[in-house]
């Protein structure tokens, strides 16, 4: 499989997953704004910071409020993480590998992009942004369903699943980190309403309640980080993402022949043996870190795994020829 094709399939799915997760985060923030438990300025600023876009946003927009943040995250053509830009990039990647994906996949990706483009042109007429956000989530799930049901589960499918799951693990970690921007664990971050919203942003509240009952910070973090069965939990994403990586390389769990296998395997293994009290309280050396510090370290290691995947499968060889993936 050509590295160019593998790269397009991988990023196409990361971009679709990113658009869906941005929609989820904006929808959750709208709900918290109605609750009135957090100052609106802090609330919308926290959303921008959670995605790491605060420098760009502050430089161009200044004050963080609902209208400015919604525009920035939904439609801004200059923000590469906006829903519009993610789906535009996903559609372009799909177009370049049209012969490698199924017709239902292409149709759903195209319809989703055209819907968002049309909504961008008509956004002044929005009565309720929730309808738009719900449609983005629904379209993303249709694309995922079409991928799983109409694409052979070979190398291309595994690149697609790996991209989707690594993006999902990253965004779940960012949802968990919002307490840092609400004032830390000793501030509003302990509010069960806010943690219910965090769980809701991952469609996890119902499954969480079946397992834990009442909402608490500790249990919510444990569920979204360490659960092995819930499909938006970070541990689940890494387990299944590594399965796809090993299916591509022909490797076996517990050993590695590429930097990608090493980096992703080490990160997955760190969650195999993680302890929730350590995640909430200190780093591996015993130094105080807290949830925010642990998430920062996790995101750095996940980025390193993504870089290793790029170098292993997508980067051109020194001679300038396209590499073979797998």
Protein backbone atom coordinates (compact mmCIF):
# COMPACT_ATOMS: atom_id res chain seq x y z
CA UNK A 1 0.00 0.00 0.00
CA UNK A 2 1.51 3.35 -1.03
CA UNK A 3 2.43 5.70 1.81
CA UNK A 4 0.49 8.49 0.06
CA UNK A 5 -2.70 6.42 0.19
CA UNK A 6 -2.13 5.30 3.78
CA UNK A 7 -1.52 8.92 4.84
CA UNK A 8 -4.75 10.12 3.21
CA UNK A 9 -6.86 7.34 4.72
CA UNK A 10 -5.35 7.86 8.19
CA UNK A 11 -5.84 11.63 8.20
CA UNK A 12 -9.24 11.50 6.54
CA UNK A 13 -10.52 9.57 9.54
CA UNK A 14 -8.68 11.72 12.09
CA UNK A 15 -10.23 14.82 10.56
CA UNK A 16 -13.76 13.41 10.57
CA UNK A 17 -13.35 12.29 14.19
CA UNK A 18 -11.95 15.72 15.10
CA UNK A 19 -14.95 17.50 13.57
CA UNK A 20 -17.32 15.29 15.55
CA UNK A 21 -15.45 15.89 18.79
CA UNK A 22 -15.39 19.65 18.28
CA UNK A 23 -19.16 19.48 17.78
CA UNK A 24 -19.50 17.45 20.99
CA UNK A 25 -17.42 19.91 23.00
CA UNK A 26 -19.32 22.96 21.72
CA UNK A 27 -22.66 21.29 22.44
CA UNK A 28 -21.58 20.41 25.98
CA UNK A 29 -20.42 23.98 26.58
CA UNK A 30 -23.76 25.33 25.39
CA UNK A 31 -25.44 23.11 27.97
CA UNK A 32 -23.14 24.32 30.76
CA UNK A 33 -23.79 27.92 29.74
CA UNK A 34 -27.51 27.34 30.30
CA UNK A 35 -26.79 25.81 33.74
CA UNK A 36 -25.11 29.05 34.79
CA UNK A 37 -22.67 27.29 37.17
CA UNK A 38 -19.57 28.77 35.50
CA UNK A 39 -18.85 32.35 34.51
CA UNK A 40 -19.59 32.57 30.74
CA UNK A 41 -16.26 34.19 29.92
CA UNK A 42 -14.30 31.51 31.75
CA UNK A 43 -16.47 28.78 30.24
CA UNK A 44 -15.94 29.75 26.59
CA UNK A 45 -12.29 30.56 27.19
CA UNK A 46 -11.85 27.06 28.69
CA UNK A 47 -13.24 25.52 25.51
CA UNK A 48 -10.73 27.36 23.31
CA UNK A 49 -7.87 26.45 25.64
CA UNK A 50 -8.89 22.78 25.75
CA UNK A 51 -8.23 22.52 22.01
CA UNK A 52 -4.93 24.43 22.27
CA UNK A 53 -6.11 27.21 19.97
CA UNK A 54 -6.05 30.06 22.47
CA UNK A 55 -3.07 31.95 21.00
CA UNK A 56 -4.66 32.16 17.57
CA UNK A 57 -8.09 32.94 18.98
CA UNK A 58 -6.92 35.69 21.34
CA UNK A 59 -4.81 37.31 18.62
CA UNK A 60 -7.72 37.51 16.20
CA UNK A 61 -10.80 37.76 18.42
CA UNK A 62 -9.80 38.83 21.92
CA UNK A 63 -12.77 38.30 24.23
CA UNK A 64 -14.07 34.74 24.41
CA UNK A 65 -17.86 34.61 24.27
CA UNK A 66 -20.40 32.23 22.76
CA UNK A 67 -20.74 33.93 19.39
CA UNK A 68 -17.00 34.36 18.77
CA UNK A 69 -16.04 30.87 19.95
CA UNK A 70 -18.83 29.16 18.04
CA UNK A 71 -17.82 30.95 14.84
CA UNK A 72 -14.14 30.11 15.44
CA UNK A 73 -14.69 26.41 16.14
CA UNK A 74 -17.50 25.77 13.68
CA UNK A 75 -16.80 27.78 10.53
CA UNK A 76 -13.57 29.77 10.67
CA UNK A 77 -11.65 28.98 7.43
CA UNK A 78 -8.43 30.21 9.05
CA UNK A 79 -8.70 27.77 11.97
CA UNK A 80 -7.49 24.34 10.80
CA UNK A 81 -9.32 22.72 13.72
CA UNK A 82 -12.73 24.19 12.88
CA UNK A 83 -15.47 21.78 11.85
CA UNK A 84 -15.55 23.32 8.39
CA UNK A 85 -11.79 23.01 7.81
CA UNK A 86 -11.64 19.47 9.19
CA UNK A 87 -14.38 18.26 6.86
CA UNK A 88 -12.98 20.16 3.90
CA UNK A 89 -9.61 18.44 4.46
CA UNK A 90 -11.30 15.06 5.01
CA UNK A 91 -13.22 15.38 1.75
CA UNK A 92 -10.05 16.27 -0.14
CA UNK A 93 -8.25 13.26 1.32
CA UNK A 94 -11.22 11.06 0.41
CA UNK A 95 -11.16 12.41 -3.14
CA UNK A 96 -7.49 11.50 -3.57
CA UNK A 97 -8.14 7.88 -2.50
CA UNK A 98 -11.56 7.55 -4.10
CA UNK A 99 -10.60 4.20 -5.63
CA UNK A 100 -9.61 2.80 -2.20
CA UNK A 101 -12.81 3.60 -0.31
CA UNK A 102 -16.38 2.45 -0.90
CA UNK A 103 -19.06 4.51 -2.65
CA UNK A 104 -21.20 4.76 0.53
CA UNK A 105 -18.20 6.20 2.38
CA UNK A 106 -17.54 8.79 -0.30
CA UNK A 107 -21.22 9.74 -0.47
CA UNK A 108 -21.50 10.25 3.29
CA UNK A 109 -18.27 12.27 3.49
CA UNK A 110 -19.36 14.42 0.57
CA UNK A 111 -22.84 14.98 2.02
CA UNK A 112 -21.38 15.95 5.39
CA UNK A 113 -18.99 18.46 3.85
CA UNK A 114 -21.70 19.99 1.65
CA UNK A 115 -24.03 20.29 4.66
CA UNK A 116 -21.40 22.14 6.70
CA UNK A 117 -20.48 24.38 3.75
CA UNK A 118 -24.14 25.25 3.29
CA UNK A 119 -24.57 25.90 7.00
CA UNK A 120 -21.55 28.18 6.95
CA UNK A 121 -23.11 30.28 4.20
CA UNK A 122 -26.43 30.50 6.05
CA UNK A 123 -25.20 30.71 9.64
CA UNK A 124 -26.73 34.15 10.22
CA UNK A 125 -30.11 32.42 10.06
CA UNK A 126 -29.33 29.84 12.78
CA UNK A 127 -32.20 29.48 15.21
CA UNK A 128 -30.42 26.88 17.33
CA UNK A 129 -26.77 25.83 16.85
CA UNK A 130 -27.57 22.49 18.52
CA UNK A 131 -29.34 21.29 15.39
CA UNK A 132 -26.20 21.94 13.37
CA UNK A 133 -23.98 20.22 15.95
CA UNK A 134 -26.29 17.19 16.15
CA UNK A 135 -26.17 16.82 12.37
CA UNK A 136 -22.35 16.93 12.37
CA UNK A 137 -22.24 14.17 14.99
CA UNK A 138 -24.81 12.09 13.15
CA UNK A 139 -22.98 12.46 9.84
CA UNK A 140 -19.68 11.44 11.41
CA UNK A 141 -21.27 8.34 12.89
CA UNK A 142 -22.80 7.47 9.51
CA UNK A 143 -19.36 7.73 7.92
CA UNK A 144 -17.90 5.45 10.59
CA UNK A 145 -20.73 2.98 10.10
CA UNK A 146 -20.28 3.02 6.32
CA UNK A 147 -16.54 2.48 6.76
CA UNK A 148 -16.99 -0.54 9.01
CA UNK A 149 -19.84 -2.06 6.99
CA UNK A 150 -18.74 -1.46 3.38
CA UNK A 151 -14.93 -1.45 3.44
CA UNK A 152 -12.85 -4.63 3.52
CA UNK A 153 -11.13 -4.92 6.89
CA UNK A 154 -7.66 -4.99 5.42
CA UNK A 155 -4.74 -2.59 5.56
CA UNK A 156 -6.70 0.51 4.49
CA UNK A 157 -9.41 -0.12 7.06
CA UNK A 158 -6.84 -0.55 9.82
CA UNK A 159 -5.20 2.79 8.92
CA UNK A 160 -8.67 4.33 9.05
CA UNK A 161 -9.50 2.84 12.45
CA UNK A 162 -6.09 3.68 13.90
CA UNK A 163 -6.42 7.33 12.86
CA UNK A 164 -9.93 7.59 14.24
CA UNK A 165 -9.06 6.02 17.60
CA UNK A 166 -5.88 8.01 18.22
CA UNK A 167 -7.77 11.22 17.48
CA UNK A 168 -10.54 10.11 19.85
CA UNK A 169 -8.07 9.34 22.65
CA UNK A 170 -6.57 12.81 22.26
CA UNK A 171 -9.93 14.56 22.37
CA UNK A 172 -11.20 12.56 25.34
CA UNK A 173 -8.08 13.65 27.24
CA UNK A 174 -8.82 17.26 26.31
CA UNK A 175 -12.41 16.98 27.55
CA UNK A 176 -11.05 15.73 30.89
CA UNK A 177 -8.65 18.66 31.16
CA UNK A 178 -11.36 21.33 31.26
CA UNK A 179 -11.26 21.44 35.07
CA UNK A 180 -7.80 23.01 34.79
CA UNK A 181 -9.37 25.98 32.99
CA UNK A 182 -12.30 26.12 35.42
CA UNK A 183 -9.93 26.78 38.31
CA UNK A 184 -8.47 23.36 39.06
CA UNK A 185 -9.69 20.42 41.08
CA UNK A 186 -10.12 22.55 44.17
CA UNK A 187 -12.44 24.93 42.33
CA UNK A 188 -15.46 24.29 40.15
CA UNK A 189 -13.81 21.20 38.73
CA UNK A 190 -15.37 19.09 41.50
CA UNK A 191 -18.93 20.10 40.53
CA UNK A 192 -20.95 16.95 39.61
CA UNK A 193 -22.87 19.01 37.04
CA UNK A 194 -19.66 19.82 35.20
CA UNK A 195 -18.42 16.23 35.35
CA UNK A 196 -21.79 15.03 34.07
CA UNK A 197 -21.25 17.40 31.15
CA UNK A 198 -17.74 16.01 30.55
CA UNK A 199 -19.16 12.49 30.49
CA UNK A 200 -21.95 13.66 28.20
CA UNK A 201 -19.43 15.14 25.76
CA UNK A 202 -18.14 11.59 25.22
CA UNK A 203 -21.66 10.06 25.17
CA UNK A 204 -20.49 8.27 28.30
CA UNK A 205 -22.97 9.39 30.97
CA UNK A 206 -25.41 6.49 30.55
CA UNK A 207 -22.74 3.77 30.55
CA UNK A 208 -20.98 5.50 33.45
CA UNK A 209 -24.16 5.48 35.56
CA UNK A 210 -24.68 1.77 34.89
CA UNK A 211 -21.21 1.10 36.29
CA UNK A 212 -20.73 3.73 39.00
CA UNK A 213 -24.08 5.36 39.81
CA UNK A 214 -23.61 8.89 41.18
CA UNK A 215 -21.22 11.19 39.32
CA UNK A 216 -17.91 12.03 40.98
CA UNK A 217 -14.65 13.46 39.69
CA UNK A 218 -12.59 10.40 40.60
CA UNK A 219 -14.94 7.88 39.02
CA UNK A 220 -15.49 9.98 35.88
CA UNK A 221 -11.74 10.25 35.30
CA UNK A 222 -11.25 6.54 35.96
CA UNK A 223 -14.00 5.62 33.49
CA UNK A 224 -12.83 7.90 30.67
CA UNK A 225 -9.14 7.10 31.10
CA UNK A 226 -8.90 3.46 32.15
CA UNK A 227 -12.03 1.64 31.04
CA UNK A 228 -11.24 -1.19 28.61
CA UNK A 229 -14.76 -1.65 27.24
CA UNK A 230 -16.18 1.83 26.59
CA UNK A 231 -15.31 2.93 23.01
CA UNK A 232 -14.47 6.54 23.88
CA UNK A 233 -12.30 5.73 26.89
CA UNK A 234 -8.64 6.48 26.28
CA UNK A 235 -7.48 2.98 27.24
CA UNK A 236 -9.97 1.33 24.87
CA UNK A 237 -8.81 3.60 22.03
CA UNK A 238 -5.17 2.69 22.57
CA UNK A 239 -5.90 -1.05 22.83
CA UNK A 240 -7.82 -1.09 19.55
CA UNK A 241 -5.49 1.38 17.86
CA UNK A 242 -2.51 -0.83 18.68
CA UNK A 243 -4.42 -3.87 17.36
CA UNK A 244 -4.77 -2.11 14.00
CA UNK A 245 -1.11 -1.07 14.02
CA UNK A 246 -0.01 -4.65 14.63
CA UNK A 247 -2.37 -5.91 11.92
CA UNK A 248 -0.63 -3.54 9.49
CA UNK A 249 2.93 -4.47 10.51
CA UNK A 250 2.30 -8.14 11.20
CA UNK A 251 3.78 -7.67 14.67
CA UNK A 252 2.74 -9.16 17.98
CA UNK A 253 1.75 -7.49 21.23
CA UNK A 254 4.67 -7.17 23.62
CA UNK A 255 7.36 -6.79 20.96
CA UNK A 256 8.17 -4.23 18.29
CA UNK A 257 10.02 -3.86 15.03
CA UNK A 258 9.20 -0.20 14.28
CA UNK A 259 9.26 3.03 16.32
CA UNK A 260 5.48 3.28 15.85
CA UNK A 261 4.92 -0.08 17.56
CA UNK A 262 7.31 0.86 20.35
CA UNK A 263 5.79 4.27 21.11
CA UNK A 264 2.14 3.21 20.90
CA UNK A 265 2.78 -0.07 22.75
CA UNK A 266 4.53 1.70 25.62
CA UNK A 267 1.70 4.22 25.92
CA UNK A 268 -0.95 1.49 25.89
CA UNK A 269 1.02 -0.52 28.47
CA UNK A 270 1.25 2.51 30.76
CA UNK A 271 -2.55 2.52 30.97
CA UNK A 272 -2.67 -1.27 31.45
CA UNK A 273 -1.03 -0.77 34.82
CA UNK A 274 -2.12 2.78 35.67
CA UNK A 275 -3.64 3.63 39.04
CA UNK A 276 -6.34 6.28 39.31
CA UNK A 277 -4.86 7.69 42.52
CA UNK A 278 -1.53 8.25 40.79
CA UNK A 279 -3.26 9.89 37.83
CA UNK A 280 -5.07 12.31 40.12
CA UNK A 281 -2.23 12.87 42.54
CA UNK A 282 1.35 12.56 41.28
CA UNK A 283 3.58 11.66 38.37
CA UNK A 284 5.61 8.45 37.95
CA UNK A 285 8.47 9.81 40.08
CA UNK A 286 6.12 10.71 42.92
CA UNK A 287 6.26 14.45 42.30
CA UNK A 288 2.93 16.29 42.59
CA UNK A 289 1.35 16.70 39.19
CA UNK A 290 -2.39 16.21 39.34
CA UNK A 291 -4.74 15.43 36.50
CA UNK A 292 -3.61 18.37 34.34
CA UNK A 293 0.05 17.34 34.55
CA UNK A 294 -0.81 13.71 33.78
CA UNK A 295 -2.89 14.73 30.75
CA UNK A 296 -0.10 16.99 29.46
CA UNK A 297 2.31 14.06 29.65
CA UNK A 298 -0.19 11.73 27.99
CA UNK A 299 -0.76 14.13 25.10
CA UNK A 300 2.99 14.54 24.59
CA UNK A 301 3.42 10.76 24.40
CA UNK A 302 0.44 10.40 22.09
CA UNK A 303 1.89 13.07 19.79
CA UNK A 304 5.19 11.20 19.82
CA UNK A 305 3.37 7.99 18.81
CA UNK A 306 1.64 9.85 15.98
CA UNK A 307 5.00 11.24 14.81
CA UNK A 308 6.43 7.71 14.85
CA UNK A 309 3.49 6.47 12.77
CA UNK A 310 4.18 9.24 10.27
CA UNK A 311 7.89 8.43 10.09
CA UNK A 312 7.25 4.69 9.80
CA UNK A 313 4.52 4.72 7.17
CA UNK A 314 4.00 8.11 5.54
CA UNK A 315 7.38 9.86 5.26
CA UNK A 316 9.16 9.61 1.93
CA UNK A 317 12.35 7.60 1.82
CA UNK A 318 15.61 9.54 1.25
CA UNK A 319 15.60 8.60 -2.42
CA UNK A 320 12.32 10.45 -2.81
CA UNK A 321 10.24 7.41 -3.73
CA UNK A 322 6.97 6.58 -2.08
CA UNK A 323 7.40 4.13 0.77
CA UNK A 324 5.51 0.91 1.07
CA UNK A 325 3.32 0.84 4.19
CA UNK A 326 3.22 -2.36 6.16
